[in-house]
PDB file of N, CA and C in Angstrom:
ATOM      1  N   ILE A   1       0.856  -1.175   0.000  1.00  0.00           N
ATOM      2  CA  ILE A   1       0.000   0.000   0.000  1.00  0.00           C
ATOM      3  C   ILE A   1       0.900   1.236   0.000  1.00  0.00           C
ATOM      4  N   ILE A   2       0.678   2.102  -0.993  1.00  0.00           N
ATOM      5  CA  ILE A   2       1.441   3.342  -1.098  1.00  0.00           C
ATOM      6  C   ILE A   2       0.694   4.486  -0.436  1.00  0.00           C
ATOM      7  N   PHE A   3      -0.632   4.475  -0.569  1.00  0.00           N
ATOM      8  CA  PHE A   3      -1.445   5.560  -0.028  1.00  0.00           C
ATOM      9  C   PHE A   3      -2.796   5.011   0.373  1.00  0.00           C
ATOM     10  N   TYR A   4      -3.309   5.504   1.489  1.00  0.00           N
ATOM     11  CA  TYR A   4      -4.604   5.069   2.002  1.00  0.00           C
ATOM     12  C   TYR A   4      -5.396   6.319   2.350  1.00  0.00           C
ATOM     13  N   ASP A   5      -6.655   6.365   1.927  1.00  0.00           N
ATOM     14  CA  ASP A   5      -7.481   7.548   2.159  1.00  0.00           C
ATOM     15  C   ASP A   5      -8.872   7.092   2.589  1.00  0.00           C
ATOM     16  N   VAL A   6      -9.451   7.798   3.537  1.00  0.00           N
ATOM     17  CA  VAL A   6     -10.819   7.521   3.966  1.00  0.00           C
ATOM     18  C   VAL A   6     -11.680   8.704   3.557  1.00  0.00           C
ATOM     19  N   ILE A   7     -12.752   8.419   2.827  1.00  0.00           N
ATOM     20  CA  ILE A   7     -13.667   9.453   2.364  1.00  0.00           C
ATOM     21  C   ILE A   7     -15.057   9.109   2.875  1.00  0.00           C
ATOM     22  N   LYS A   8     -15.663  10.052   3.567  1.00  0.00           N
ATOM     23  CA  LYS A   8     -17.016   9.837   4.083  1.00  0.00           C
ATOM     24  C   LYS A   8     -18.003  10.496   3.131  1.00  0.00           C
ATOM     25  N   ALA A   9     -18.622   9.687   2.288  1.00  0.00           N
ATOM     26  CA  ALA A   9     -19.582  10.197   1.313  1.00  0.00           C
ATOM     27  C   ALA A   9     -20.740   9.215   1.229  1.00  0.00           C
ATOM     28  N   ARG A  10     -21.919   9.741   1.063  1.00  0.00           N
ATOM     29  CA  ARG A  10     -23.098   8.872   1.002  1.00  0.00           C
ATOM     30  C   ARG A  10     -23.578   8.627  -0.418  1.00  0.00           C
ATOM     31  N   LYS A  11     -23.350   9.594  -1.303  1.00  0.00           N
ATOM     32  CA  LYS A  11     -23.876   9.479  -2.665  1.00  0.00           C
ATOM     33  C   LYS A  11     -22.778   9.485  -3.705  1.00  0.00           C
ATOM     34  N   GLY A  12     -21.621   8.990  -3.389  1.00  0.00           N
ATOM     35  CA  GLY A  12     -20.515   8.973  -4.337  1.00  0.00           C
ATOM     36  C   GLY A  12     -19.582  10.152  -4.113  1.00  0.00           C
ATOM     37  N   PHE A  13     -18.497  10.167  -4.861  1.00  0.00           N
ATOM     38  CA  PHE A  13     -17.505  11.228  -4.725  1.00  0.00           C
ATOM     39  C   PHE A  13     -16.626  11.243  -5.963  1.00  0.00           C
ATOM     40  N   LYS A  14     -15.891  12.325  -6.134  1.00  0.00           N
ATOM     41  CA  LYS A  14     -14.809  12.374  -7.114  1.00  0.00           C
ATOM     42  C   LYS A  14     -13.685  13.157  -6.476  1.00  0.00           C
ATOM     43  N   LYS A  15     -12.485  12.705  -6.714  1.00  0.00           N
ATOM     44  CA  LYS A  15     -11.327  13.327  -6.088  1.00  0.00           C
ATOM     45  C   LYS A  15     -10.115  13.093  -6.976  1.00  0.00           C
ATOM     46  N   ALA A  16      -9.315  14.130  -7.153  1.00  0.00           N
ATOM     47  CA  ALA A  16      -8.091  14.021  -7.947  1.00  0.00           C
ATOM     48  C   ALA A  16      -6.929  13.640  -7.035  1.00  0.00           C
ATOM     49  N   TYR A  17      -6.094  12.779  -7.524  1.00  0.00           N
ATOM     50  CA  TYR A  17      -4.879  12.405  -6.803  1.00  0.00           C
ATOM     51  C   TYR A  17      -3.680  12.696  -7.693  1.00  0.00           C
ATOM     52  N   ASN A  18      -2.636  13.238  -7.107  1.00  0.00           N
ATOM     53  CA  ASN A  18      -1.427  13.566  -7.835  1.00  0.00           C
ATOM     54  C   ASN A  18      -0.521  12.334  -7.851  1.00  0.00           C
ATOM     55  N   VAL A  19      -0.285  11.791  -9.035  1.00  0.00           N
ATOM     56  CA  VAL A  19       0.555  10.597  -9.159  1.00  0.00           C
ATOM     57  C   VAL A  19       1.874  10.893  -9.855  1.00  0.00           C
ATOM     58  N   GLU A  20       2.195  12.181 -10.026  1.00  0.00           N
ATOM     59  CA  GLU A  20       3.386  12.512 -10.794  1.00  0.00           C
ATOM     60  C   GLU A  20       4.687  12.106 -10.111  1.00  0.00           C
ATOM     61  N   ASN A  21       4.683  11.879  -8.804  1.00  0.00           N
ATOM     62  CA  ASN A  21       5.902  11.476  -8.114  1.00  0.00           C
ATOM     63  C   ASN A  21       6.065   9.965  -8.004  1.00  0.00           C
ATOM     64  N   LEU A  22       5.119   9.205  -8.562  1.00  0.00           N
ATOM     65  CA  LEU A  22       5.254   7.755  -8.565  1.00  0.00           C
ATOM     66  C   LEU A  22       6.276   7.327  -9.603  1.00  0.00           C
ATOM     67  N   SER A  23       7.006   6.292  -9.296  1.00  0.00           N
ATOM     68  CA  SER A  23       7.945   5.735 -10.271  1.00  0.00           C
ATOM     69  C   SER A  23       7.163   5.103 -11.409  1.00  0.00           C
ATOM     70  N   PRO A  24       7.760   5.057 -12.604  1.00  0.00           N
ATOM     71  CA  PRO A  24       7.070   4.405 -13.712  1.00  0.00           C
ATOM     72  C   PRO A  24       6.716   2.966 -13.350  1.00  0.00           C
ATOM     73  N   GLY A  25       5.531   2.537 -13.763  1.00  0.00           N
ATOM     74  CA  GLY A  25       5.085   1.172 -13.489  1.00  0.00           C
ATOM     75  C   GLY A  25       3.578   1.089 -13.464  1.00  0.00           C
ATOM     76  N   GLN A  26       3.084  -0.092 -13.124  1.00  0.00           N
ATOM     77  CA  GLN A  26       1.642  -0.321 -13.074  1.00  0.00           C
ATOM     78  C   GLN A  26       1.175  -0.262 -11.618  1.00  0.00           C
ATOM     79  N   TYR A  27       0.029   0.392 -11.412  1.00  0.00           N
ATOM     80  CA  TYR A  27      -0.525   0.578 -10.070  1.00  0.00           C
ATOM     81  C   TYR A  27      -1.997   0.204 -10.070  1.00  0.00           C
ATOM     82  N   GLU A  28      -2.512  -0.044  -8.886  1.00  0.00           N
ATOM     83  CA  GLU A  28      -3.923  -0.386  -8.727  1.00  0.00           C
ATOM     84  C   GLU A  28      -4.571   0.604  -7.771  1.00  0.00           C
ATOM     85  N   ILE A  29      -5.755   1.059  -8.150  1.00  0.00           N
ATOM     86  CA  ILE A  29      -6.575   1.873  -7.249  1.00  0.00           C
ATOM     87  C   ILE A  29      -7.737   0.985  -6.825  1.00  0.00           C
ATOM     88  N   ARG A  30      -7.973   0.908  -5.519  1.00  0.00           N
ATOM     89  CA  ARG A  30      -9.066   0.093  -5.004  1.00  0.00           C
ATOM     90  C   ARG A  30      -9.974   0.971  -4.161  1.00  0.00           C
ATOM     91  N   VAL A  31     -11.275   0.900  -4.447  1.00  0.00           N
ATOM     92  CA  VAL A  31     -12.282   1.622  -3.674  1.00  0.00           C
ATOM     93  C   VAL A  31     -13.160   0.566  -3.013  1.00  0.00           C
ATOM     94  N   THR A  32     -13.234   0.646  -1.693  1.00  0.00           N
ATOM     95  CA  THR A  32     -14.009  -0.320  -0.928  1.00  0.00           C
ATOM     96  C   THR A  32     -15.069   0.419  -0.124  1.00  0.00           C
ATOM     97  N   GLY A  33     -16.275  -0.060  -0.194  1.00  0.00           N
ATOM     98  CA  GLY A  33     -17.371   0.556   0.549  1.00  0.00           C
ATOM     99  C   GLY A  33     -18.355  -0.489   1.004  1.00  0.00           C
ATOM    100  N   SER A  34     -19.497  -0.042   1.468  1.00  0.00           N
ATOM    101  CA  SER A  34     -20.508  -0.963   1.987  1.00  0.00           C
ATOM    102  C   SER A  34     -21.075  -1.868   0.895  1.00  0.00           C
ATOM    103  N   ASN A  35     -20.948  -1.460  -0.373  1.00  0.00           N
ATOM    104  CA  ASN A  35     -21.459  -2.263  -1.487  1.00  0.00           C
ATOM    105  C   ASN A  35     -20.395  -3.149  -2.116  1.00  0.00           C
ATOM    106  N   GLY A  36     -19.247  -3.272  -1.472  1.00  0.00           N
ATOM    107  CA  GLY A  36     -18.195  -4.120  -2.022  1.00  0.00           C
ATOM    108  C   GLY A  36     -16.969  -3.320  -2.402  1.00  0.00           C
ATOM    109  N   SER A  37     -16.192  -3.900  -3.297  1.00  0.00           N
ATOM    110  CA  SER A  37     -14.910  -3.305  -3.675  1.00  0.00           C
ATOM    111  C   SER A  37     -14.764  -3.297  -5.191  1.00  0.00           C
ATOM    112  N   GLN A  38     -14.162  -2.246  -5.714  1.00  0.00           N
ATOM    113  CA  GLN A  38     -13.839  -2.154  -7.138  1.00  0.00           C
ATOM    114  C   GLN A  38     -12.391  -1.738  -7.252  1.00  0.00           C
ATOM    115  N   SER A  39     -11.709  -2.244  -8.260  1.00  0.00           N
ATOM    116  CA  SER A  39     -10.329  -1.830  -8.465  1.00  0.00           C
ATOM    117  C   SER A  39     -10.076  -1.598  -9.943  1.00  0.00           C
ATOM    118  N   ARG A  40      -9.159  -0.721 -10.217  1.00  0.00           N
ATOM    119  CA  ARG A  40      -8.751  -0.388 -11.578  1.00  0.00           C
ATOM    120  C   ARG A  40      -7.233  -0.292 -11.612  1.00  0.00           C
ATOM    121  N   LEU A  41      -6.648  -0.775 -12.696  1.00  0.00           N
ATOM    122  CA  LEU A  41      -5.210  -0.658 -12.902  1.00  0.00           C
ATOM    123  C   LEU A  41      -4.929   0.577 -13.738  1.00  0.00           C
ATOM    124  N   PHE A  42      -3.813   1.236 -13.468  1.00  0.00           N
ATOM    125  CA  PHE A  42      -3.354   2.328 -14.318  1.00  0.00           C
ATOM    126  C   PHE A  42      -1.843   2.268 -14.382  1.00  0.00           C
ATOM    127  N   GLU A  43      -1.290   2.900 -15.393  1.00  0.00           N
ATOM    128  CA  GLU A  43       0.149   2.854 -15.592  1.00  0.00           C
ATOM    129  C   GLU A  43       0.725   4.254 -15.574  1.00  0.00           C
ATOM    130  N   VAL A  44       1.853   4.393 -14.922  1.00  0.00           N
ATOM    131  CA  VAL A  44       2.593   5.646 -14.915  1.00  0.00           C
ATOM    132  C   VAL A  44       3.797   5.432 -15.823  1.00  0.00           C
ATOM    133  N   ALA A  45       3.893   6.255 -16.857  1.00  0.00           N
ATOM    134  CA  ALA A  45       4.996   6.148 -17.803  1.00  0.00           C
ATOM    135  C   ALA A  45       6.062   7.187 -17.467  1.00  0.00           C
ATOM    136  N   ALA A  46       7.279   6.904 -17.877  1.00  0.00           N
ATOM    137  CA  ALA A  46       8.351   7.878 -17.710  1.00  0.00           C
ATOM    138  C   ALA A  46       8.067   9.033 -18.666  1.00  0.00           C
ATOM    139  N   VAL A  47       8.051  10.233 -18.152  1.00  0.00           N
ATOM    140  CA  VAL A  47       7.774  11.404 -18.985  1.00  0.00           C
ATOM    141  C   VAL A  47       8.852  12.452 -18.784  1.00  0.00           C
ATOM    142  N   GLN A  48       8.969  13.275 -19.788  1.00  0.00           N
ATOM    143  CA  GLN A  48       9.878  14.407 -19.682  1.00  0.00           C
ATOM    144  C   GLN A  48       9.174  15.521 -18.922  1.00  0.00           C
ATOM    145  N   ALA A  49       9.944  16.431 -18.408  1.00  0.00           N
ATOM    146  CA  ALA A  49       9.364  17.573 -17.696  1.00  0.00           C
ATOM    147  C   ALA A  49       8.414  18.323 -18.616  1.00  0.00           C
ATOM    148  N   ALA A  50       7.326  18.799 -18.044  1.00  0.00           N
ATOM    149  CA  ALA A  50       6.327  19.535 -18.826  1.00  0.00           C
ATOM    150  C   ALA A  50       6.969  20.778 -19.437  1.00  0.00           C
ATOM    151  N   PRO A  51       6.649  21.056 -20.698  1.00  0.00           N
ATOM    152  CA  PRO A  51       7.227  22.234 -21.350  1.00  0.00           C
ATOM    153  C   PRO A  51       6.472  23.523 -21.008  1.00  0.00           C
ATOM    154  N   TYR A  52       5.909  23.576 -19.813  1.00  0.00           N
ATOM    155  CA  TYR A  52       5.186  24.762 -19.366  1.00  0.00           C
ATOM    156  C   TYR A  52       5.204  24.781 -17.846  1.00  0.00           C
ATOM    157  N   ALA A  53       4.805  25.923 -17.273  1.00  0.00           N
ATOM    158  CA  ALA A  53       4.744  26.046 -15.816  1.00  0.00           C
ATOM    159  C   ALA A  53       3.437  26.720 -15.429  1.00  0.00           C
ATOM    160  N   VAL A  54       2.867  26.264 -14.315  1.00  0.00           N
ATOM    161  CA  VAL A  54       1.676  26.884 -13.731  1.00  0.00           C
ATOM    162  C   VAL A  54       2.049  27.268 -12.307  1.00  0.00           C
ATOM    163  N   VAL A  55       1.908  28.558 -11.984  1.00  0.00           N
ATOM    164  CA  VAL A  55       2.273  29.062 -10.663  1.00  0.00           C
ATOM    165  C   VAL A  55       1.046  29.682 -10.018  1.00  0.00           C
ATOM    166  N   ARG A  56       0.755  29.252  -8.800  1.00  0.00           N
ATOM    167  CA  ARG A  56      -0.349  29.848  -8.039  1.00  0.00           C
ATOM    168  C   ARG A  56       0.164  31.152  -7.434  1.00  0.00           C
ATOM    169  N   LEU A  57      -0.470  32.253  -7.785  1.00  0.00           N
ATOM    170  CA  LEU A  57      -0.045  33.574  -7.313  1.00  0.00           C
ATOM    171  C   LEU A  57      -0.624  33.864  -5.933  1.00  0.00           C
ATOM    172  N   PRO A  58      -0.051  34.827  -5.212  1.00  0.00           N
ATOM    173  CA  PRO A  58      -0.548  35.139  -3.865  1.00  0.00           C
ATOM    174  C   PRO A  58      -1.993  35.650  -3.836  1.00  0.00           C
ATOM    175  N   GLN A  59      -2.431  36.291  -4.904  1.00  0.00           N
ATOM    176  CA  GLN A  59      -3.805  36.787  -4.949  1.00  0.00           C
ATOM    177  C   GLN A  59      -4.759  35.604  -5.092  1.00  0.00           C
ATOM    178  N   PRO A  60      -5.864  35.606  -4.358  1.00  0.00           N
ATOM    179  CA  PRO A  60      -6.814  34.482  -4.398  1.00  0.00           C
ATOM    180  C   PRO A  60      -7.309  34.193  -5.817  1.00  0.00           C
ATOM    181  N   GLY A  61      -7.221  32.929  -6.207  1.00  0.00           N
ATOM    182  CA  GLY A  61      -7.758  32.488  -7.484  1.00  0.00           C
ATOM    183  C   GLY A  61      -6.943  32.843  -8.703  1.00  0.00           C
ATOM    184  N   LYS A  62      -5.727  33.371  -8.539  1.00  0.00           N
ATOM    185  CA  LYS A  62      -4.930  33.773  -9.701  1.00  0.00           C
ATOM    186  C   LYS A  62      -3.774  32.799  -9.927  1.00  0.00           C
ATOM    187  N   TYR A  63      -3.616  32.418 -11.214  1.00  0.00           N
ATOM    188  CA  TYR A  63      -2.600  31.450 -11.625  1.00  0.00           C
ATOM    189  C   TYR A  63      -1.880  31.978 -12.862  1.00  0.00           C
ATOM    190  N   LEU A  64      -0.568  31.869 -12.868  1.00  0.00           N
ATOM    191  CA  LEU A  64       0.236  32.271 -14.017  1.00  0.00           C
ATOM    192  C   LEU A  64       0.597  31.028 -14.809  1.00  0.00           C
ATOM    193  N   VAL A  65       0.278  31.033 -16.106  1.00  0.00           N
ATOM    194  CA  VAL A  65       0.677  29.958 -17.009  1.00  0.00           C
ATOM    195  C   VAL A  65       1.746  30.528 -17.927  1.00  0.00           C
ATOM    196  N   SER A  66       2.899  29.875 -17.971  1.00  0.00           N
ATOM    197  CA  SER A  66       3.963  30.324 -18.865  1.00  0.00           C
ATOM    198  C   SER A  66       4.446  29.156 -19.714  1.00  0.00           C
ATOM    199  N   ILE A  67       4.638  29.452 -21.000  1.00  0.00           N
ATOM    200  CA  ILE A  67       5.076  28.443 -21.960  1.00  0.00           C
ATOM    201  C   ILE A  67       6.246  29.037 -22.730  1.00  0.00           C
ATOM    202  N   PRO A  68       7.440  28.442 -22.627  1.00  0.00           N
ATOM    203  CA  PRO A  68       8.571  28.963 -23.392  1.00  0.00           C
ATOM    204  C   PRO A  68       8.367  28.692 -24.884  1.00  0.00           C
ATOM    205  N   SER A  69       9.002  29.503 -25.707  1.00  0.00           N
ATOM    206  CA  SER A  69       8.841  29.326 -27.146  1.00  0.00           C
ATOM    207  C   SER A  69       9.346  27.945 -27.553  1.00  0.00           C
ATOM    208  N   GLY A  70       8.690  27.389 -28.528  1.00  0.00           N
ATOM    209  CA  GLY A  70       9.036  26.056 -29.021  1.00  0.00           C
ATOM    210  C   GLY A  70       8.421  25.868 -30.390  1.00  0.00           C
ATOM    211  N   LYS A  71       8.231  24.623 -30.774  1.00  0.00           N
ATOM    212  CA  LYS A  71       7.685  24.323 -32.097  1.00  0.00           C
ATOM    213  C   LYS A  71       6.179  24.532 -32.186  1.00  0.00           C
ATOM    214  N   ALA A  72       5.480  24.414 -31.064  1.00  0.00           N
ATOM    215  CA  ALA A  72       4.019  24.523 -31.091  1.00  0.00           C
ATOM    216  C   ALA A  72       3.580  25.941 -31.435  1.00  0.00           C
ATOM    217  N   ARG A  73       2.542  26.049 -32.222  1.00  0.00           N
ATOM    218  CA  ARG A  73       1.987  27.343 -32.615  1.00  0.00           C
ATOM    219  C   ARG A  73       0.774  27.708 -31.774  1.00  0.00           C
ATOM    220  N   VAL A  74       0.094  26.686 -31.214  1.00  0.00           N
ATOM    221  CA  VAL A  74      -1.081  26.899 -30.372  1.00  0.00           C
ATOM    222  C   VAL A  74      -1.038  25.919 -29.203  1.00  0.00           C
ATOM    223  N   ALA A  75      -1.770  26.262 -28.156  1.00  0.00           N
ATOM    224  CA  ALA A  75      -1.923  25.369 -27.009  1.00  0.00           C
ATOM    225  C   ALA A  75      -3.323  25.547 -26.455  1.00  0.00           C
ATOM    226  N   ARG A  76      -3.915  24.458 -26.004  1.00  0.00           N
ATOM    227  CA  ARG A  76      -5.222  24.543 -25.359  1.00  0.00           C
ATOM    228  C   ARG A  76      -4.992  24.658 -23.864  1.00  0.00           C
ATOM    229  N   ILE A  77      -5.564  25.711 -23.268  1.00  0.00           N
ATOM    230  CA  ILE A  77      -5.509  25.924 -21.827  1.00  0.00           C
ATOM    231  C   ILE A  77      -6.879  25.561 -21.268  1.00  0.00           C
ATOM    232  N   SER A  78      -6.916  24.601 -20.361  1.00  0.00           N
ATOM    233  CA  SER A  78      -8.170  24.172 -19.736  1.00  0.00           C
ATOM    234  C   SER A  78      -8.060  24.414 -18.239  1.00  0.00           C
ATOM    235  N   VAL A  79      -9.054  25.087 -17.680  1.00  0.00           N
ATOM    236  CA  VAL A  79      -9.057  25.417 -16.257  1.00  0.00           C
ATOM    237  C   VAL A  79     -10.221  24.697 -15.598  1.00  0.00           C
ATOM    238  N   PHE A  80      -9.929  23.998 -14.510  1.00  0.00           N
ATOM    239  CA  PHE A  80     -10.927  23.247 -13.755  1.00  0.00           C
ATOM    240  C   PHE A  80     -11.003  23.822 -12.349  1.00  0.00           C
ATOM    241  N   ASP A  81     -12.216  23.868 -11.782  1.00  0.00           N
ATOM    242  CA  ASP A  81     -12.347  24.347 -10.406  1.00  0.00           C
ATOM    243  C   ASP A  81     -11.928  23.242  -9.439  1.00  0.00           C
ATOM    244  N   GLU A  82     -12.056  23.517  -8.138  1.00  0.00           N
ATOM    245  CA  GLU A  82     -11.599  22.562  -7.125  1.00  0.00           C
ATOM    246  C   GLU A  82     -12.364  21.245  -7.148  1.00  0.00           C
ATOM    247  N   GLU A  83     -13.520  21.222  -7.795  1.00  0.00           N
ATOM    248  CA  GLU A  83     -14.297  19.988  -7.916  1.00  0.00           C
ATOM    249  C   GLU A  83     -14.103  19.338  -9.277  1.00  0.00           C
ATOM    250  N   LEU A  84     -13.105  19.804 -10.031  1.00  0.00           N
ATOM    251  CA  LEU A  84     -12.730  19.292 -11.347  1.00  0.00           C
ATOM    252  C   LEU A  84     -13.788  19.519 -12.418  1.00  0.00           C
ATOM    253  N   ASN A  85     -14.596  20.573 -12.256  1.00  0.00           N
ATOM    254  CA  ASN A  85     -15.530  20.987 -13.298  1.00  0.00           C
ATOM    255  C   ASN A  85     -14.796  21.930 -14.239  1.00  0.00           C
ATOM    256  N   LEU A  86     -14.925  21.708 -15.547  1.00  0.00           N
ATOM    257  CA  LEU A  86     -14.293  22.587 -16.519  1.00  0.00           C
ATOM    258  C   LEU A  86     -14.967  23.950 -16.468  1.00  0.00           C
ATOM    259  N   VAL A  87     -14.196  25.002 -16.186  1.00  0.00           N
ATOM    260  CA  VAL A  87     -14.767  26.346 -16.108  1.00  0.00           C
ATOM    261  C   VAL A  87     -14.262  27.251 -17.228  1.00  0.00           C
ATOM    262  N   TYR A  88     -13.193  26.824 -17.918  1.00  0.00           N
ATOM    263  CA  TYR A  88     -12.648  27.653 -18.990  1.00  0.00           C
ATOM    264  C   TYR A  88     -11.808  26.777 -19.900  1.00  0.00           C
ATOM    265  N   SER A  89     -11.933  26.974 -21.194  1.00  0.00           N
ATOM    266  CA  SER A  89     -11.080  26.269 -22.148  1.00  0.00           C
ATOM    267  C   SER A  89     -10.931  27.151 -23.380  1.00  0.00           C
ATOM    268  N   ARG A  90      -9.685  27.338 -23.789  1.00  0.00           N
ATOM    269  CA  ARG A  90      -9.442  28.196 -24.945  1.00  0.00           C
ATOM    270  C   ARG A  90      -8.150  27.784 -25.618  1.00  0.00           C
ATOM    271  N   ILE A  91      -8.124  27.927 -26.923  1.00  0.00           N
ATOM    272  CA  ILE A  91      -6.889  27.707 -27.670  1.00  0.00           C
ATOM    273  C   ILE A  91      -6.171  29.049 -27.760  1.00  0.00           C
ATOM    274  N   GLU A  92      -4.955  29.074 -27.255  1.00  0.00           N
ATOM    275  CA  GLU A  92      -4.148  30.294 -27.255  1.00  0.00           C
ATOM    276  C   GLU A  92      -3.088  30.212 -28.355  1.00  0.00           C
ATOM    277  N   LYS A  93      -2.891  31.306 -29.073  1.00  0.00           N
ATOM    278  CA  LYS A  93      -1.826  31.382 -30.077  1.00  0.00           C
ATOM    279  C   LYS A  93      -0.501  31.612 -29.374  1.00  0.00           C
ATOM    280  N   LEU A  94       0.516  30.886 -29.799  1.00  0.00           N
ATOM    281  CA  LEU A  94       1.844  31.018 -29.208  1.00  0.00           C
ATOM    282  C   LEU A  94       2.769  31.684 -30.220  1.00  0.00           C
ATOM    283  N   ASN A  95       3.180  32.888 -29.922  1.00  0.00           N
ATOM    284  CA  ASN A  95       4.138  33.618 -30.741  1.00  0.00           C
ATOM    285  C   ASN A  95       5.336  33.927 -29.864  1.00  0.00           C
ATOM    286  N   GLY A  96       6.299  33.022 -29.819  1.00  0.00           N
ATOM    287  CA  GLY A  96       7.422  33.182 -28.904  1.00  0.00           C
ATOM    288  C   GLY A  96       7.009  32.742 -27.512  1.00  0.00           C
ATOM    289  N   ASP A  97       7.638  33.306 -26.501  1.00  0.00           N
ATOM    290  CA  ASP A  97       7.290  32.964 -25.122  1.00  0.00           C
ATOM    291  C   ASP A  97       5.864  33.434 -24.825  1.00  0.00           C
ATOM    292  N   PHE A  98       5.123  32.628 -24.058  1.00  0.00           N
ATOM    293  CA  PHE A  98       3.739  32.934 -23.723  1.00  0.00           C
ATOM    294  C   PHE A  98       3.604  32.995 -22.209  1.00  0.00           C
ATOM    295  N   ALA A  99       2.887  33.984 -21.717  1.00  0.00           N
ATOM    296  CA  ALA A  99       2.575  34.075 -20.289  1.00  0.00           C
ATOM    297  C   ALA A  99       1.237  34.783 -20.137  1.00  0.00           C
ATOM    298  N   LYS A 100       0.395  34.228 -19.269  1.00  0.00           N
ATOM    299  CA  LYS A 100      -0.911  34.826 -19.041  1.00  0.00           C
ATOM    300  C   LYS A 100      -1.383  34.453 -17.640  1.00  0.00           C
ATOM    301  N   VAL A 101      -2.055  35.409 -16.974  1.00  0.00           N
ATOM    302  CA  VAL A 101      -2.617  35.170 -15.657  1.00  0.00           C
ATOM    303  C   VAL A 101      -4.091  34.833 -15.829  1.00  0.00           C
ATOM    304  N   TYR A 102      -4.504  33.732 -15.224  1.00  0.00           N
ATOM    305  CA  TYR A 102      -5.898  33.297 -15.246  1.00  0.00           C
ATOM    306  C   TYR A 102      -6.477  33.498 -13.850  1.00  0.00           C
ATOM    307  N   HIS A 103      -7.697  34.061 -13.795  1.00  0.00           N
ATOM    308  CA  HIS A 103      -8.367  34.287 -12.526  1.00  0.00           C
ATOM    309  C   HIS A 103      -9.535  33.317 -12.438  1.00  0.00           C
ATOM    310  N   VAL A 104      -9.462  32.421 -11.471  1.00  0.00           N
ATOM    311  CA  VAL A 104     -10.497  31.404 -11.297  1.00  0.00           C
ATOM    312  C   VAL A 104     -11.379  31.825 -10.130  1.00  0.00           C
ATOM    313  N   LYS A 105     -12.598  32.197 -10.435  1.00  0.00           N
ATOM    314  CA  LYS A 105     -13.543  32.591  -9.382  1.00  0.00           C
ATOM    315  C   LYS A 105     -14.233  31.336  -8.889  1.00  0.00           C
ATOM    316  N   SER A 106     -13.781  30.847  -7.762  1.00  0.00           N
ATOM    317  CA  SER A 106     -14.356  29.630  -7.198  1.00  0.00           C
ATOM    318  C   SER A 106     -14.288  29.712  -5.687  1.00  0.00           C
ATOM    319  N   GLY A 107     -14.580  28.611  -5.042  1.00  0.00           N
ATOM    320  CA  GLY A 107     -14.539  28.559  -3.584  1.00  0.00           C
ATOM    321  C   GLY A 107     -13.115  28.684  -3.078  1.00  0.00           C
ATOM    322  N   SER A 108     -12.865  28.168  -1.925  1.00  0.00           N
ATOM    323  CA  SER A 108     -11.553  28.299  -1.309  1.00  0.00           C
ATOM    324  C   SER A 108     -10.577  27.225  -1.768  1.00  0.00           C
ATOM    325  N   GLY A 109     -11.005  26.347  -2.699  1.00  0.00           N
ATOM    326  CA  GLY A 109     -10.140  25.264  -3.151  1.00  0.00           C
ATOM    327  C   GLY A 109      -9.128  25.718  -4.180  1.00  0.00           C
ATOM    328  N   ILE A 110      -8.315  24.793  -4.614  1.00  0.00           N
ATOM    329  CA  ILE A 110      -7.255  25.078  -5.586  1.00  0.00           C
ATOM    330  C   ILE A 110      -7.729  24.630  -6.964  1.00  0.00           C
ATOM    331  N   ALA A 111      -7.565  25.490  -7.943  1.00  0.00           N
ATOM    332  CA  ALA A 111      -7.934  25.160  -9.318  1.00  0.00           C
ATOM    333  C   ALA A 111      -6.875  24.245  -9.923  1.00  0.00           C
ATOM    334  N   HIS A 112      -7.253  23.573 -11.001  1.00  0.00           N
ATOM    335  CA  HIS A 112      -6.336  22.705 -11.747  1.00  0.00           C
ATOM    336  C   HIS A 112      -6.290  23.240 -13.170  1.00  0.00           C
ATOM    337  N   ILE A 113      -5.075  23.397 -13.689  1.00  0.00           N
ATOM    338  CA  ILE A 113      -4.912  23.936 -15.040  1.00  0.00           C
ATOM    339  C   ILE A 113      -4.127  22.937 -15.874  1.00  0.00           C
ATOM    340  N   ALA A 114      -4.668  22.620 -17.047  1.00  0.00           N
ATOM    341  CA  ALA A 114      -4.022  21.677 -17.954  1.00  0.00           C
ATOM    342  C   ALA A 114      -3.675  22.395 -19.248  1.00  0.00           C
ATOM    343  N   VAL A 115      -2.501  22.108 -19.774  1.00  0.00           N
ATOM    344  CA  VAL A 115      -2.043  22.676 -21.040  1.00  0.00           C
ATOM    345  C   VAL A 115      -1.799  21.505 -21.971  1.00  0.00           C
ATOM    346  N   SER A 116      -2.391  21.539 -23.160  1.00  0.00           N
ATOM    347  CA  SER A 116      -2.190  20.448 -24.109  1.00  0.00           C
ATOM    348  C   SER A 116      -1.874  21.012 -25.486  1.00  0.00           C
ATOM    349  N   GLY A 117      -1.343  20.145 -26.344  1.00  0.00           N
ATOM    350  CA  GLY A 117      -1.036  20.542 -27.705  1.00  0.00           C
ATOM    351  C   GLY A 117       0.396  20.984 -27.905  1.00  0.00           C
ATOM    352  N   LEU A 118       1.235  20.807 -26.912  1.00  0.00           N
ATOM    353  CA  LEU A 118       2.632  21.236 -27.040  1.00  0.00           C
ATOM    354  C   LEU A 118       3.494  20.133 -27.605  1.00  0.00           C
TER     355      LEU A 118
END
């Protein structure tokens, strides 16, 4: 067992877990409740460092996304609230280095930002 979590929910739940620090390999997630147990396998592959950075700024709900210049001409920026609901998605044009501050108006949780297309 690498990680154990107890969640008290009556009608289901969803929760994101950060697996980026796991070594490459195959892992199992098991959810056990009053109705039995379910498990799913997933694989963590060796990856190169992300060609972008997301920094949570001191101001509430503000995040800086920076992408150094590279071969990509566009990137899709997707912003999710603390409950992993998509709240913003846009294709941004990349002309050299790119940097933009995103303001996520949500509760007190931490937003999740994904960059794809690089």
